[in-house]
Amino acid sequence: MDFMFSAQGLPIVFGVLISISILLYAILDGYDLGVGILLPMDNAEQRDVAISSIGPFWDANETWLVLAVGLLLVAFPAAHSAILKALYLPATLMLIGLILRGVAFDFRAKVKQTRKIVWDYTFKVGSYITAFMQGFMLGLYVMGLEYNVYSILFATFSGFCVVAAYSLIGSTWLIMKTTEEFQKRAIGWAKKAGVLSALGILTVSLINPLVNQSVLKIWTQLPWAYLYAAIPLLCFLMFILGYLVLSRLPLADDHGASLPFYMVVIVFICCFLGLSFSFYPYVVPGELTLFEAASAPESLRIILVGSLFVLPFIGGYTVISYYTFRGKAEKLRYY
């Protein structure tokens, strides 16, 4: 407890809190963005079921992104300024995508049935824009927040990788929440998205140490190199086992339908840990460390008390909502 409130411990504590918030956002909003990307435009009933499967959660999932950005602003203001200055345009486009999703989600329930498909397309396009821009920003971050031909090409590739990864976790969510023909369709999506995601992660894993000498040094420095090697091995083991599981689904009584989703969650955690360990202790790659960018210890102590008060409410609400709306999704009904 003393370490948490010490001048050296506070930046690490806030770094961990921000990291957890980003990871939870990537997993939770990742699957509902994936559902939006995969929204079947050739089947109105399946679209309704897909929207119903994320209806109770999608808006609250974005809370974790707000929390992460808010903590970054108050705990590491210098880093917040440097990161958003470099990512202003893609961040703006991401917000436009989120706005399109929010508007479409509400309007599709209020317009005439013949015009609902327009807002379904809007929801799908908003999901694509949001996912791609998040991947684009991640790619620029990995490239040191610099704009040049190589960094833009890498960021564009990273954007498509995130679209594939969100499609993967979104399809496994649909496998867990749907039945019959729609579930079989989601299984096919998951197989294709899984192959694309695995290839994307492998490519990024090979490129990252080549363009960042510091990352190469961290990954090859003993004894930590053994830990860093275990992370991608676990990640690709999940891909292999996941594909084998998908090949056996669906099973009688829907056994194992949730297993692919949790295996993809492990993949997300592995990727996040790999990136986090690669850049620690830098919060702005190659420029600012956690300790250099942190606010004054006195300010951080006050903020930490507030954060420790708020976080249980956010976490509690999340757990309660997922428990309450567990089970299979049904066709939307409006009263």
Protein backbone atom coordinates (compact mmCIF):
# COMPACT_ATOMS: atom_id res chain seq x y z
CA MET A 1 0.00 0.00 0.00
CA ASP A 2 2.86 2.39 0.80
CA PHE A 3 4.37 1.69 -2.63
CA MET A 4 1.08 2.52 -4.37
CA PHE A 5 1.05 6.02 -2.88
CA SER A 6 4.80 6.64 -3.19
CA ALA A 7 6.31 8.96 -5.79
CA GLN A 8 7.84 5.98 -7.63
CA GLY A 9 4.82 3.73 -7.33
CA LEU A 10 2.08 6.14 -8.43
CA PRO A 11 3.11 6.36 -12.12
CA ILE A 12 3.27 2.55 -12.29
CA VAL A 13 -0.14 2.20 -10.64
CA PHE A 14 -1.73 4.62 -13.10
CA GLY A 15 0.08 2.96 -15.98
CA VAL A 16 -1.46 -0.35 -14.91
CA LEU A 17 -4.94 1.19 -14.51
CA ILE A 18 -4.78 2.76 -17.98
CA SER A 19 -3.48 -0.50 -19.46
CA ILE A 20 -6.31 -2.52 -17.89
CA SER A 21 -8.87 0.01 -19.15
CA ILE A 22 -7.50 -0.16 -22.71
CA LEU A 23 -7.40 -3.96 -22.64
CA LEU A 24 -10.98 -4.21 -21.37
CA TYR A 25 -12.08 -1.73 -24.01
CA ALA A 26 -10.35 -3.69 -26.78
CA ILE A 27 -12.05 -6.91 -25.68
CA LEU A 28 -15.51 -5.60 -24.81
CA ASP A 29 -15.99 -2.94 -27.47
CA GLY A 30 -13.93 -5.08 -29.83
CA TYR A 31 -16.56 -7.79 -30.04
CA ASP A 32 -19.46 -5.36 -30.54
CA LEU A 33 -17.48 -3.50 -33.20
CA GLY A 34 -16.85 -6.91 -34.77
CA VAL A 35 -20.57 -7.67 -34.74
CA GLY A 36 -21.15 -4.36 -36.51
CA ILE A 37 -18.49 -5.17 -39.12
CA LEU A 38 -20.04 -8.60 -39.73
CA LEU A 39 -23.64 -7.37 -39.75
CA PRO A 40 -25.34 -9.61 -42.40
CA MET A 41 -26.93 -7.20 -44.87
CA ASP A 42 -28.61 -10.04 -46.79
CA ASN A 43 -30.76 -11.18 -43.86
CA ALA A 44 -32.91 -8.74 -41.87
CA GLU A 45 -33.79 -11.28 -39.16
CA GLN A 46 -30.15 -12.14 -38.54
CA ARG A 47 -29.30 -8.43 -38.38
CA ASP A 48 -31.89 -7.99 -35.65
CA VAL A 49 -30.48 -10.93 -33.69
CA ALA A 50 -26.92 -9.58 -34.10
CA ILE A 51 -27.95 -6.14 -32.84
CA SER A 52 -29.91 -7.74 -30.01
CA SER A 53 -26.82 -9.69 -28.91
CA ILE A 54 -24.90 -6.47 -28.21
CA GLY A 55 -27.81 -4.19 -27.34
CA PRO A 56 -27.47 -4.30 -23.53
CA PHE A 57 -23.68 -3.87 -23.59
CA TRP A 58 -22.31 -1.85 -26.52
CA ASP A 59 -22.78 1.63 -25.07
CA ALA A 60 -21.37 0.73 -21.64
CA ASN A 61 -18.38 -0.99 -23.25
CA GLU A 62 -17.16 2.40 -24.48
CA THR A 63 -16.92 3.56 -20.84
CA TRP A 64 -13.53 1.87 -20.63
CA LEU A 65 -12.18 4.00 -23.48
CA VAL A 66 -13.42 7.17 -21.78
CA LEU A 67 -11.82 6.02 -18.52
CA ALA A 68 -8.48 5.27 -20.20
CA VAL A 69 -8.32 8.65 -21.98
CA GLY A 70 -9.42 10.46 -18.82
CA LEU A 71 -6.77 8.78 -16.68
CA LEU A 72 -4.13 9.51 -19.31
CA LEU A 73 -5.10 13.19 -19.27
CA VAL A 74 -4.98 13.67 -15.51
CA ALA A 75 -2.12 11.29 -14.68
CA PHE A 76 0.18 11.84 -17.67
CA PRO A 77 -0.79 15.22 -19.20
CA ALA A 78 2.44 15.58 -21.19
CA ALA A 79 1.94 12.17 -22.77
CA HIS A 80 -1.74 12.91 -23.43
CA SER A 81 -0.76 16.08 -25.27
CA ALA A 82 1.96 14.39 -27.34
CA ILE A 83 -0.16 11.37 -28.27
CA LEU A 84 -3.34 13.23 -29.21
CA LYS A 85 -1.36 15.88 -31.08
CA ALA A 86 0.05 13.16 -33.32
CA LEU A 87 -3.24 11.24 -33.57
CA TYR A 88 -5.67 14.16 -33.84
CA LEU A 89 -7.00 13.34 -37.34
CA PRO A 90 -7.44 9.55 -36.95
CA ALA A 91 -8.91 10.09 -33.47
CA THR A 92 -11.45 12.51 -34.96
CA LEU A 93 -12.38 9.99 -37.64
CA MET A 94 -12.72 7.31 -34.96
CA LEU A 95 -15.13 9.53 -33.03
CA ILE A 96 -17.14 10.09 -36.21
CA GLY A 97 -17.39 6.31 -36.56
CA LEU A 98 -18.59 5.98 -32.96
CA ILE A 99 -21.17 8.73 -33.54
CA LEU A 100 -22.46 6.98 -36.66
CA ARG A 101 -22.85 3.76 -34.66
CA GLY A 102 -24.71 5.47 -31.84
CA VAL A 103 -27.07 7.36 -34.14
CA ALA A 104 -27.73 4.30 -36.31
CA PHE A 105 -28.43 2.07 -33.30
CA ASP A 106 -31.20 4.38 -32.09
CA PHE A 107 -32.63 5.42 -35.46
CA ARG A 108 -32.96 1.87 -36.82
CA ALA A 109 -35.56 1.26 -34.09
CA LYS A 110 -37.59 4.37 -34.91
CA VAL A 111 -37.81 4.54 -38.71
CA LYS A 112 -40.12 2.65 -41.05
CA GLN A 113 -39.14 -0.94 -41.77
CA THR A 114 -38.33 -0.10 -45.38
CA ARG A 115 -35.73 2.47 -44.28
CA LYS A 116 -34.17 0.50 -41.44
CA ILE A 117 -31.58 -1.01 -43.76
CA VAL A 118 -30.10 2.48 -44.34
CA TRP A 119 -29.26 2.75 -40.65
CA ASP A 120 -28.00 -0.83 -40.59
CA TYR A 121 -25.54 0.11 -43.32
CA THR A 122 -24.64 3.21 -41.29
CA PHE A 123 -23.97 1.04 -38.24
CA LYS A 124 -21.78 -1.27 -40.32
CA VAL A 125 -19.81 1.59 -41.89
CA GLY A 126 -19.36 3.27 -38.50
CA SER A 127 -18.01 0.01 -37.10
CA TYR A 128 -15.51 -0.32 -39.96
CA ILE A 129 -14.32 3.28 -39.56
CA THR A 130 -13.92 2.96 -35.78
CA ALA A 131 -12.04 -0.34 -35.92
CA PHE A 132 -9.76 0.72 -38.77
CA MET A 133 -8.87 4.03 -37.13
CA GLN A 134 -8.04 2.33 -33.84
CA GLY A 135 -5.68 0.02 -35.69
CA PHE A 136 -4.22 2.94 -37.64
CA MET A 137 -3.51 4.82 -34.40
CA LEU A 138 -1.95 1.71 -32.88
CA GLY A 139 0.32 1.36 -35.89
CA LEU A 140 1.42 4.99 -35.67
CA TYR A 141 2.08 4.54 -31.95
CA VAL A 142 4.29 1.51 -32.63
CA MET A 143 6.16 3.56 -35.26
CA GLY A 144 6.91 6.29 -32.72
CA LEU A 145 4.04 8.67 -33.64
CA GLU A 146 5.90 9.79 -36.76
CA TYR A 147 4.32 10.48 -40.14
CA ASN A 148 6.30 9.17 -43.10
CA VAL A 149 5.67 6.75 -45.95
CA TYR A 150 6.74 3.69 -43.98
CA SER A 151 4.81 4.56 -40.82
CA ILE A 152 1.64 5.33 -42.77
CA LEU A 153 1.90 2.04 -44.69
CA PHE A 154 2.46 0.15 -41.44
CA ALA A 155 -0.41 2.00 -39.74
CA THR A 156 -2.71 1.18 -42.66
CA PHE A 157 -1.75 -2.48 -42.43
CA SER A 158 -2.30 -2.33 -38.67
CA GLY A 159 -5.76 -0.86 -39.30
CA PHE A 160 -6.77 -3.84 -41.42
CA CYS A 161 -5.31 -6.19 -38.79
CA VAL A 162 -7.51 -4.68 -36.09
CA VAL A 163 -10.56 -4.94 -38.36
CA ALA A 164 -9.76 -8.65 -38.77
CA ALA A 165 -9.17 -9.11 -35.02
CA TYR A 166 -12.44 -7.39 -34.11
CA SER A 167 -14.23 -9.49 -36.73
CA LEU A 168 -12.74 -12.57 -35.09
CA ILE A 169 -13.86 -11.75 -31.57
CA GLY A 170 -17.21 -10.49 -32.91
CA SER A 171 -17.84 -13.74 -34.77
CA THR A 172 -16.99 -15.83 -31.69
CA TRP A 173 -19.40 -13.65 -29.68
CA LEU A 174 -22.12 -14.46 -32.23
CA ILE A 175 -21.27 -18.17 -32.00
CA MET A 176 -21.87 -17.93 -28.26
CA LYS A 177 -25.07 -15.85 -28.52
CA THR A 178 -26.85 -17.36 -31.55
CA THR A 179 -28.20 -20.71 -32.75
CA GLU A 180 -28.87 -22.76 -35.88
CA GLU A 181 -28.06 -21.22 -39.28
CA PHE A 182 -26.78 -17.93 -37.91
CA GLN A 183 -24.42 -19.75 -35.56
CA LYS A 184 -23.08 -21.86 -38.44
CA ARG A 185 -22.55 -18.70 -40.46
CA ALA A 186 -20.65 -17.13 -37.56
CA ILE A 187 -18.44 -20.21 -37.33
CA GLY A 188 -17.45 -19.71 -40.97
CA TRP A 189 -16.68 -16.03 -40.31
CA ALA A 190 -14.55 -16.97 -37.30
CA LYS A 191 -12.43 -19.41 -39.34
CA LYS A 192 -11.68 -16.81 -42.02
CA ALA A 193 -11.09 -13.97 -39.55
CA GLY A 194 -8.88 -16.25 -37.44
CA VAL A 195 -6.55 -16.99 -40.34
CA LEU A 196 -6.32 -13.29 -41.28
CA SER A 197 -5.74 -12.25 -37.65
CA ALA A 198 -3.01 -14.86 -37.12
CA LEU A 199 -1.19 -13.74 -40.28
CA GLY A 200 -1.54 -10.09 -39.23
CA ILE A 201 -0.20 -10.69 -35.72
CA LEU A 202 2.70 -12.75 -37.09
CA THR A 203 3.60 -9.99 -39.57
CA VAL A 204 3.43 -7.24 -36.94
CA SER A 205 5.50 -9.36 -34.54
CA LEU A 206 8.21 -9.67 -37.18
CA ILE A 207 8.15 -6.02 -38.26
CA ASN A 208 8.02 -4.42 -34.81
CA PRO A 209 11.53 -5.46 -33.63
CA LEU A 210 12.95 -4.60 -37.05
CA VAL A 211 11.77 -0.99 -36.96
CA ASN A 212 12.34 -0.53 -33.21
CA GLN A 213 15.83 -1.49 -32.06
CA SER A 214 14.82 -0.97 -28.43
CA VAL A 215 12.06 -3.56 -28.84
CA LEU A 216 14.52 -6.02 -30.38
CA LYS A 217 16.86 -5.51 -27.42
CA ILE A 218 14.05 -6.06 -24.92
CA TRP A 219 12.80 -9.21 -26.65
CA THR A 220 16.27 -10.79 -26.82
CA GLN A 221 17.57 -9.83 -23.37
CA LEU A 222 17.88 -12.81 -21.03
CA PRO A 223 16.23 -13.99 -18.85
CA TRP A 224 13.13 -11.96 -19.86
CA ALA A 225 13.44 -13.23 -23.43
CA TYR A 226 11.99 -16.55 -22.26
CA LEU A 227 8.86 -14.79 -20.99
CA TYR A 228 8.50 -12.73 -24.16
CA ALA A 229 8.87 -15.89 -26.25
CA ALA A 230 6.12 -17.61 -24.23
CA ILE A 231 3.61 -14.85 -25.05
CA PRO A 232 3.50 -15.34 -28.87
CA LEU A 233 3.70 -19.12 -28.42
CA LEU A 234 0.58 -19.05 -26.22
CA CYS A 235 -1.09 -16.70 -28.68
CA PHE A 236 -0.57 -18.95 -31.70
CA LEU A 237 -1.43 -22.04 -29.66
CA MET A 238 -4.84 -20.45 -29.07
CA PHE A 239 -5.22 -19.86 -32.80
CA ILE A 240 -4.46 -23.51 -33.59
CA LEU A 241 -6.68 -24.91 -30.84
CA GLY A 242 -9.39 -22.39 -31.68
CA TYR A 243 -9.48 -23.49 -35.32
CA LEU A 244 -9.74 -27.12 -34.22
CA VAL A 245 -12.62 -26.25 -31.89
CA LEU A 246 -14.41 -24.29 -34.62
CA SER A 247 -14.07 -27.27 -36.96
CA ARG A 248 -16.06 -29.40 -34.49
CA LEU A 249 -18.82 -26.87 -33.82
CA PRO A 250 -21.77 -26.88 -33.48
CA LEU A 251 -22.07 -29.69 -30.95
CA ALA A 252 -25.16 -31.21 -29.39
CA ASP A 253 -26.84 -29.04 -26.75
CA ASP A 254 -24.60 -26.17 -27.84
CA HIS A 255 -21.63 -27.49 -25.87
CA GLY A 256 -18.41 -25.55 -26.36
CA ALA A 257 -20.08 -22.57 -28.07
CA SER A 258 -18.47 -20.10 -25.66
CA LEU A 259 -14.98 -21.66 -25.84
CA PRO A 260 -13.81 -19.84 -29.03
CA PHE A 261 -14.69 -16.46 -27.52
CA TYR A 262 -12.61 -17.04 -24.40
CA MET A 263 -9.72 -18.35 -26.47
CA VAL A 264 -9.77 -15.14 -28.53
CA VAL A 265 -9.80 -13.16 -25.27
CA ILE A 266 -6.53 -14.93 -24.38
CA VAL A 267 -5.15 -13.92 -27.80
CA PHE A 268 -6.07 -10.28 -27.11
CA ILE A 269 -4.40 -10.43 -23.69
CA CYS A 270 -1.23 -11.94 -25.20
CA CYS A 271 -1.03 -9.25 -27.88
CA PHE A 272 -1.58 -6.51 -25.33
CA LEU A 273 1.04 -7.89 -22.95
CA GLY A 274 3.51 -8.19 -25.81
CA LEU A 275 3.05 -4.54 -26.77
CA SER A 276 3.11 -3.33 -23.16
CA PHE A 277 6.31 -5.15 -22.29
CA SER A 278 7.91 -3.99 -25.55
CA PHE A 279 7.56 -0.29 -24.74
CA TYR A 280 7.78 -0.19 -20.93
CA PRO A 281 8.64 2.19 -19.30
CA TYR A 282 7.83 4.54 -22.19
CA VAL A 283 4.33 5.98 -22.48
CA VAL A 284 5.39 7.95 -25.59
CA PRO A 285 7.73 5.62 -27.52
CA GLY A 286 11.34 6.77 -27.31
CA GLU A 287 10.43 10.15 -25.77
CA LEU A 288 8.62 10.11 -22.42
CA THR A 289 8.63 7.47 -19.70
CA LEU A 290 5.85 6.99 -17.17
CA PHE A 291 7.92 8.77 -14.56
CA GLU A 292 8.80 11.75 -16.78
CA ALA A 293 5.23 12.30 -17.98
CA ALA A 294 3.49 11.82 -14.61
CA SER A 295 1.71 14.59 -12.76
CA ALA A 296 2.91 15.70 -9.33
CA PRO A 297 2.70 12.94 -6.68
CA GLU A 298 0.29 15.05 -4.61
CA SER A 299 -2.11 15.27 -7.56
CA LEU A 300 -1.77 11.58 -8.35
CA ARG A 301 -2.64 10.59 -4.78
CA ILE A 302 -5.90 12.55 -4.93
CA ILE A 303 -6.75 11.14 -8.35
CA LEU A 304 -5.95 7.60 -7.20
CA VAL A 305 -8.38 7.84 -4.29
CA GLY A 306 -11.12 8.96 -6.69
CA SER A 307 -10.23 6.22 -9.16
CA LEU A 308 -10.34 3.51 -6.52
CA PHE A 309 -13.79 4.78 -5.54
CA VAL A 310 -15.18 4.86 -9.09
CA LEU A 311 -13.66 1.68 -10.55
CA PRO A 312 -15.68 -0.80 -8.42
CA PHE A 313 -18.90 0.82 -9.62
CA ILE A 314 -17.89 0.55 -13.30
CA GLY A 315 -16.67 -3.02 -12.83
CA GLY A 316 -19.72 -3.97 -10.77
CA TYR A 317 -22.12 -2.59 -13.37
CA THR A 318 -20.29 -4.49 -16.10
CA VAL A 319 -20.46 -7.79 -14.22
CA ILE A 320 -24.14 -7.33 -13.33
CA SER A 321 -25.15 -6.42 -16.89
CA TYR A 322 -23.37 -9.41 -18.41
CA TYR A 323 -24.86 -11.74 -15.80
CA THR A 324 -28.36 -10.35 -16.27
CA PHE A 325 -28.33 -10.64 -20.07
CA ARG A 326 -26.51 -13.97 -20.27
CA GLY A 327 -27.75 -16.66 -22.62
CA LYS A 328 -28.79 -16.62 -26.24
CA ALA A 329 -29.86 -13.48 -28.05
CA GLU A 330 -33.41 -13.29 -29.38
CA LYS A 331 -34.99 -11.28 -32.14
CA LEU A 332 -35.48 -7.63 -31.21
CA ARG A 333 -38.90 -6.59 -30.00
CA TYR A 334 -39.97 -2.97 -29.40
CA TYR A 335 -42.92 -2.09 -27.22
